[in-house]
Every structure is written in structure tokens, then in C-alpha cells.
N, C-alpha and C. Protein backbone atom coordinates (compact mmCIF):
# COMPACT_ATOMS: atom_id res chain seq x y z
N MET A 1 65.15 84.13 102.79
CA MET A 1 64.89 85.00 101.67
C MET A 1 65.63 84.45 100.45
N ALA A 2 64.92 84.30 99.38
CA ALA A 2 65.51 83.75 98.15
C ALA A 2 66.35 84.81 97.44
N ALA A 3 67.35 84.36 96.76
CA ALA A 3 68.22 85.27 96.03
C ALA A 3 67.45 85.90 94.87
N ARG A 4 67.67 87.18 94.66
CA ARG A 4 66.99 87.87 93.57
C ARG A 4 67.68 87.56 92.26
N ARG A 5 66.88 87.35 91.26
CA ARG A 5 67.42 87.08 89.94
C ARG A 5 67.17 88.29 89.06
N LEU A 6 68.00 88.43 88.05
CA LEU A 6 67.82 89.52 87.11
C LEU A 6 66.55 89.31 86.31
N PRO A 7 65.77 90.36 86.10
CA PRO A 7 64.57 90.19 85.27
C PRO A 7 64.99 89.90 83.83
N SER A 8 64.24 89.08 83.17
CA SER A 8 64.57 88.71 81.80
C SER A 8 63.38 88.95 80.90
N VAL A 9 63.68 89.02 79.63
CA VAL A 9 62.63 89.23 78.63
C VAL A 9 62.28 87.87 78.05
N GLY A 10 61.07 87.42 78.28
CA GLY A 10 60.61 86.14 77.72
C GLY A 10 61.40 84.96 78.26
N GLY A 11 61.92 85.05 79.48
CA GLY A 11 62.65 83.94 80.06
C GLY A 11 64.12 83.88 79.63
N ARG A 12 64.54 84.74 78.69
CA ARG A 12 65.94 84.76 78.24
C ARG A 12 66.63 86.00 78.78
N LEU A 13 67.93 85.86 79.06
CA LEU A 13 68.69 87.02 79.50
C LEU A 13 69.12 87.83 78.29
N THR A 14 69.11 89.15 78.46
CA THR A 14 69.57 90.02 77.38
C THR A 14 71.10 90.00 77.37
N LEU A 15 71.69 90.55 76.33
CA LEU A 15 73.14 90.61 76.21
C LEU A 15 73.75 91.37 77.38
N ARG A 16 73.13 92.48 77.74
CA ARG A 16 73.63 93.27 78.88
C ARG A 16 73.62 92.44 80.14
N GLN A 17 72.56 91.70 80.38
CA GLN A 17 72.45 90.89 81.58
C GLN A 17 73.47 89.76 81.59
N ARG A 18 73.72 89.16 80.44
CA ARG A 18 74.74 88.10 80.37
C ARG A 18 76.13 88.67 80.64
N ILE A 19 76.42 89.85 80.12
CA ILE A 19 77.73 90.48 80.37
C ILE A 19 77.88 90.80 81.84
N LEU A 20 76.85 91.39 82.44
CA LEU A 20 76.91 91.73 83.86
C LEU A 20 77.06 90.48 84.73
N ARG A 21 76.36 89.40 84.37
CA ARG A 21 76.48 88.17 85.12
C ARG A 21 77.89 87.60 85.00
N TRP A 22 78.46 87.66 83.78
CA TRP A 22 79.82 87.15 83.58
C TRP A 22 80.81 87.93 84.45
N PHE A 23 80.68 89.26 84.47
CA PHE A 23 81.58 90.06 85.33
C PHE A 23 81.35 89.78 86.81
N HIS A 24 80.12 89.47 87.18
CA HIS A 24 79.82 89.12 88.57
C HIS A 24 80.49 87.79 88.94
N ASP A 25 80.49 86.85 88.00
CA ASP A 25 81.10 85.54 88.25
C ASP A 25 82.61 85.58 88.17
N HIS A 26 83.19 86.58 87.52
CA HIS A 26 84.65 86.69 87.35
C HIS A 26 85.12 88.04 87.89
N PRO A 27 85.28 88.20 89.19
CA PRO A 27 85.65 89.50 89.75
C PRO A 27 87.03 90.01 89.29
N GLN A 28 87.93 89.10 88.94
CA GLN A 28 89.25 89.55 88.48
C GLN A 28 89.14 90.29 87.14
N ALA A 29 88.17 89.91 86.36
CA ALA A 29 88.00 90.56 85.04
C ALA A 29 87.50 91.98 85.19
N GLN A 30 86.88 92.31 86.31
CA GLN A 30 86.39 93.66 86.51
C GLN A 30 87.53 94.66 86.48
N ALA A 31 88.62 94.34 87.15
CA ALA A 31 89.77 95.26 87.18
C ALA A 31 90.35 95.41 85.77
N TRP A 32 90.47 94.31 85.04
CA TRP A 32 91.01 94.39 83.68
C TRP A 32 90.08 95.19 82.77
N ALA A 33 88.80 95.06 82.97
CA ALA A 33 87.85 95.81 82.15
C ALA A 33 87.94 97.30 82.42
N LEU A 34 88.24 97.66 83.66
CA LEU A 34 88.40 99.07 83.98
C LEU A 34 89.74 99.62 83.48
N LEU A 35 90.77 98.78 83.45
CA LEU A 35 92.08 99.22 83.00
C LEU A 35 92.21 99.25 81.47
N ALA A 36 91.42 98.48 80.79
CA ALA A 36 91.56 98.32 79.34
C ALA A 36 91.43 99.63 78.56
N PRO A 37 90.43 100.48 78.79
CA PRO A 37 90.33 101.70 77.97
C PRO A 37 91.54 102.62 78.14
N GLY A 38 91.99 102.81 79.36
CA GLY A 38 93.16 103.66 79.58
C GLY A 38 94.43 103.05 78.99
N GLY A 39 94.55 101.74 79.11
CA GLY A 39 95.72 101.07 78.54
C GLY A 39 95.74 101.15 77.03
N LEU A 40 94.59 100.96 76.41
CA LEU A 40 94.52 101.09 74.94
C LEU A 40 94.80 102.52 74.49
N TRP A 41 94.31 103.48 75.24
CA TRP A 41 94.56 104.89 74.93
C TRP A 41 96.07 105.19 74.99
N MET A 42 96.74 104.70 76.05
CA MET A 42 98.18 104.92 76.17
C MET A 42 98.93 104.23 75.04
N LEU A 43 98.51 103.03 74.71
CA LEU A 43 99.16 102.29 73.63
C LEU A 43 99.02 103.02 72.31
N LEU A 44 97.83 103.49 72.03
CA LEU A 44 97.54 104.11 70.75
C LEU A 44 98.17 105.49 70.61
N PHE A 45 98.08 106.32 71.65
CA PHE A 45 98.50 107.71 71.52
C PHE A 45 99.82 108.04 72.19
N PHE A 46 100.48 107.09 72.84
CA PHE A 46 101.78 107.35 73.44
C PHE A 46 102.83 106.36 72.95
N LEU A 47 102.60 105.09 73.15
CA LEU A 47 103.62 104.10 72.80
C LEU A 47 103.80 103.96 71.29
N ALA A 48 102.73 104.02 70.54
CA ALA A 48 102.85 103.88 69.08
C ALA A 48 103.65 105.04 68.49
N PRO A 49 103.36 106.30 68.83
CA PRO A 49 104.20 107.39 68.29
C PRO A 49 105.65 107.32 68.75
N VAL A 50 105.89 106.89 69.99
CA VAL A 50 107.27 106.76 70.47
C VAL A 50 107.99 105.68 69.66
N ALA A 51 107.32 104.58 69.38
CA ALA A 51 107.93 103.52 68.58
C ALA A 51 108.22 104.01 67.16
N LEU A 52 107.31 104.77 66.58
CA LEU A 52 107.56 105.33 65.24
C LEU A 52 108.76 106.28 65.24
N MET A 53 108.84 107.13 66.26
CA MET A 53 109.98 108.06 66.35
C MET A 53 111.29 107.30 66.54
N PHE A 54 111.25 106.25 67.31
CA PHE A 54 112.45 105.44 67.51
C PHE A 54 112.89 104.81 66.20
N GLY A 55 111.95 104.32 65.43
CA GLY A 55 112.27 103.76 64.12
C GLY A 55 112.84 104.81 63.18
N TYR A 56 112.23 105.99 63.15
CA TYR A 56 112.72 107.07 62.30
C TYR A 56 114.11 107.54 62.71
N SER A 57 114.44 107.41 63.99
CA SER A 57 115.73 107.90 64.46
C SER A 57 116.90 107.11 63.88
N PHE A 58 116.66 105.92 63.37
CA PHE A 58 117.71 105.12 62.76
C PHE A 58 117.74 105.24 61.24
N MET A 59 116.89 106.09 60.66
CA MET A 59 116.85 106.24 59.21
C MET A 59 117.72 107.42 58.78
N PRO A 60 118.41 107.30 57.65
CA PRO A 60 119.25 108.41 57.18
C PRO A 60 118.39 109.52 56.56
N ARG A 61 119.00 110.72 56.48
CA ARG A 61 118.34 111.85 55.83
C ARG A 61 119.12 112.25 54.59
N ASN A 62 118.41 112.73 53.60
CA ASN A 62 119.10 113.23 52.39
C ASN A 62 119.56 114.67 52.63
N PRO A 63 120.26 115.28 51.69
CA PRO A 63 120.76 116.66 51.90
C PRO A 63 119.65 117.68 52.16
N TYR A 64 118.43 117.40 51.76
CA TYR A 64 117.33 118.31 51.99
C TYR A 64 116.60 118.05 53.31
N GLY A 65 117.05 117.07 54.06
CA GLY A 65 116.46 116.77 55.36
C GLY A 65 115.33 115.78 55.34
N VAL A 66 115.04 115.22 54.18
CA VAL A 66 113.95 114.26 54.06
C VAL A 66 114.45 112.88 54.50
N VAL A 67 113.66 112.20 55.31
CA VAL A 67 114.03 110.88 55.81
C VAL A 67 113.91 109.86 54.68
N GLU A 68 114.95 109.05 54.54
CA GLU A 68 114.96 108.01 53.52
C GLU A 68 114.96 106.63 54.16
N VAL A 69 114.56 105.64 53.41
CA VAL A 69 114.54 104.28 53.90
C VAL A 69 115.98 103.78 54.04
N GLY A 70 116.30 103.14 55.13
CA GLY A 70 117.64 102.62 55.37
C GLY A 70 117.90 102.54 56.87
N PHE A 71 119.13 102.22 57.21
CA PHE A 71 119.52 102.10 58.61
C PHE A 71 120.86 102.77 58.82
N THR A 72 120.95 103.61 59.83
CA THR A 72 122.22 104.23 60.18
C THR A 72 122.23 104.57 61.67
N PRO A 73 123.31 104.24 62.37
CA PRO A 73 123.42 104.63 63.78
C PRO A 73 124.13 105.99 63.95
N ASP A 74 124.33 106.72 62.85
CA ASP A 74 125.09 107.97 62.91
C ASP A 74 124.50 108.99 63.87
N HIS A 75 123.18 109.05 63.96
CA HIS A 75 122.55 110.04 64.85
C HIS A 75 122.92 109.77 66.30
N TYR A 76 123.01 108.53 66.66
CA TYR A 76 123.35 108.19 68.04
C TYR A 76 124.85 108.28 68.29
N LEU A 77 125.68 108.00 67.29
CA LEU A 77 127.12 108.14 67.44
C LEU A 77 127.52 109.61 67.56
N ARG A 78 126.78 110.48 66.91
CA ARG A 78 127.06 111.92 66.99
C ARG A 78 126.81 112.47 68.38
N PHE A 79 126.06 111.78 69.18
CA PHE A 79 125.79 112.19 70.58
C PHE A 79 127.09 112.34 71.36
N PHE A 80 128.11 111.56 71.02
CA PHE A 80 129.35 111.57 71.79
C PHE A 80 130.33 112.66 71.32
N ASP A 81 129.90 113.54 70.41
CA ASP A 81 130.71 114.71 70.05
C ASP A 81 130.86 115.61 71.28
N ARG A 82 131.93 116.39 71.30
CA ARG A 82 132.21 117.28 72.44
C ARG A 82 131.06 118.27 72.66
N LEU A 83 130.50 118.80 71.60
CA LEU A 83 129.41 119.77 71.70
C LEU A 83 128.23 119.19 72.47
N TYR A 84 127.79 118.00 72.10
CA TYR A 84 126.61 117.41 72.72
C TYR A 84 126.89 116.95 74.14
N LEU A 85 128.09 116.52 74.43
CA LEU A 85 128.44 116.14 75.81
C LEU A 85 128.45 117.37 76.70
N THR A 86 128.92 118.50 76.20
CA THR A 86 128.89 119.75 76.96
C THR A 86 127.45 120.16 77.26
N ILE A 87 126.60 120.05 76.28
CA ILE A 87 125.19 120.38 76.48
C ILE A 87 124.56 119.44 77.51
N LEU A 88 124.91 118.17 77.45
CA LEU A 88 124.38 117.19 78.41
C LEU A 88 124.82 117.54 79.83
N VAL A 89 126.08 117.89 80.01
CA VAL A 89 126.58 118.24 81.35
C VAL A 89 125.88 119.50 81.86
N ARG A 90 125.74 120.53 81.04
CA ARG A 90 125.08 121.76 81.48
C ARG A 90 123.61 121.49 81.82
N THR A 91 122.95 120.67 81.04
CA THR A 91 121.55 120.35 81.31
C THR A 91 121.40 119.57 82.60
N THR A 92 122.31 118.63 82.85
CA THR A 92 122.26 117.85 84.09
C THR A 92 122.49 118.74 85.29
N ILE A 93 123.43 119.67 85.20
CA ILE A 93 123.68 120.62 86.32
C ILE A 93 122.44 121.46 86.57
N ALA A 94 121.81 121.96 85.53
CA ALA A 94 120.59 122.76 85.70
C ALA A 94 119.48 121.93 86.32
N ALA A 95 119.34 120.68 85.92
CA ALA A 95 118.29 119.81 86.48
C ALA A 95 118.54 119.55 87.95
N VAL A 96 119.78 119.30 88.33
CA VAL A 96 120.11 119.06 89.74
C VAL A 96 119.84 120.32 90.55
N PHE A 97 120.23 121.49 90.03
CA PHE A 97 119.99 122.75 90.73
C PHE A 97 118.49 122.99 90.94
N CYS A 98 117.70 122.77 89.90
CA CYS A 98 116.25 122.97 90.02
C CYS A 98 115.63 122.01 91.02
N THR A 99 116.10 120.76 91.03
CA THR A 99 115.57 119.77 91.97
C THR A 99 115.88 120.16 93.38
N VAL A 100 117.12 120.55 93.65
CA VAL A 100 117.52 120.97 95.01
C VAL A 100 116.75 122.22 95.41
N PHE A 101 116.60 123.18 94.52
CA PHE A 101 115.87 124.41 94.82
C PHE A 101 114.41 124.11 95.17
N CYS A 102 113.77 123.27 94.37
CA CYS A 102 112.36 122.93 94.65
C CYS A 102 112.21 122.17 95.96
N LEU A 103 113.13 121.27 96.24
CA LEU A 103 113.06 120.55 97.52
C LEU A 103 113.31 121.48 98.70
N ALA A 104 114.29 122.39 98.56
CA ALA A 104 114.64 123.30 99.66
C ALA A 104 113.51 124.25 100.00
N PHE A 105 112.78 124.70 99.01
CA PHE A 105 111.70 125.65 99.29
C PHE A 105 110.33 125.01 99.31
N GLY A 106 110.13 123.96 98.58
CA GLY A 106 108.81 123.33 98.52
C GLY A 106 108.52 122.43 99.69
N TYR A 107 109.52 121.70 100.17
CA TYR A 107 109.27 120.78 101.28
C TYR A 107 108.86 121.50 102.54
N PRO A 108 109.54 122.58 102.99
CA PRO A 108 109.07 123.29 104.18
C PRO A 108 107.66 123.86 104.03
N VAL A 109 107.33 124.33 102.84
CA VAL A 109 105.98 124.87 102.63
C VAL A 109 104.95 123.75 102.73
N ALA A 110 105.23 122.61 102.11
CA ALA A 110 104.31 121.47 102.19
C ALA A 110 104.19 120.97 103.63
N TYR A 111 105.30 120.97 104.36
CA TYR A 111 105.27 120.54 105.75
C TYR A 111 104.42 121.48 106.59
N ALA A 112 104.55 122.79 106.36
CA ALA A 112 103.76 123.77 107.09
C ALA A 112 102.26 123.63 106.76
N ILE A 113 101.96 123.38 105.51
CA ILE A 113 100.56 123.20 105.12
C ILE A 113 99.98 121.94 105.77
N ALA A 114 100.78 120.85 105.79
CA ALA A 114 100.30 119.58 106.35
C ALA A 114 100.13 119.68 107.86
N ARG A 115 101.00 120.41 108.53
CA ARG A 115 100.94 120.54 110.00
C ARG A 115 100.09 121.71 110.47
N GLY A 116 99.74 122.57 109.56
CA GLY A 116 99.00 123.79 109.93
C GLY A 116 97.58 123.46 110.42
N GLY A 117 97.07 124.38 111.18
CA GLY A 117 95.71 124.22 111.69
C GLY A 117 94.68 124.46 110.61
N LYS A 118 93.48 124.02 110.92
CA LYS A 118 92.41 124.19 109.96
C LYS A 118 91.80 125.52 110.21
């Protein structure tokens, strides 16, 4: 049995057929083609805003709170004040408590669901 060929218009392959043939000949590109839209979406709507916020975090503010052009590490140095370290410790304790609580009550329930009869 002869291999089937894609139908063509006037003996020439259409653009769609050439693209499909290229993907058929390059199977590794199929995975990248499937990952590209999601990756571009993450880059555009997640990483770009995070990078902008990181850049703004090093800019000084005027007395009215408006960000000005310049560079200052003061915002990050202020993190080591006693007030912010106390908040960090309390937040970490709360996070550990919530994690232990969820594991203590969620794991047995998940185990019972997984082992339970249908």
C-alpha cells in the first residue's frame, strides 16, 4: 500500500499543509509549539509585571508618595528594623501552624478517600 500524500491545490502545497508537514518532520518542535502560547502568556502577564515591580522597589519616593527616578536600597534596608522582623517571625509561626494543621487533618481525610470503597 502506497503512502498517502496530502491533497494539494494545483500540485502545490498550501501554507497549512507545509506547516503540518514541517511539524510532522520535526516532532520535537511539536512540544515547543504547544508550550509557546502558555509560556508567552506567563512572560507577558506575570514575569513582566514582577520585573517592573522589582525595578520600582529600588526607586525613591517623594514626600507625597510619588515614585521618582533614582536608586535607593532604603526600602530593603528598612526590612531589618525590629518592627518588620517581629512581623516576619509572627507570620512564619502562623504559616507553620497552618501547614501542620492542614497536614494533620487533611492527610487522614485524603487517605480515607483514597482507600475508601466505591
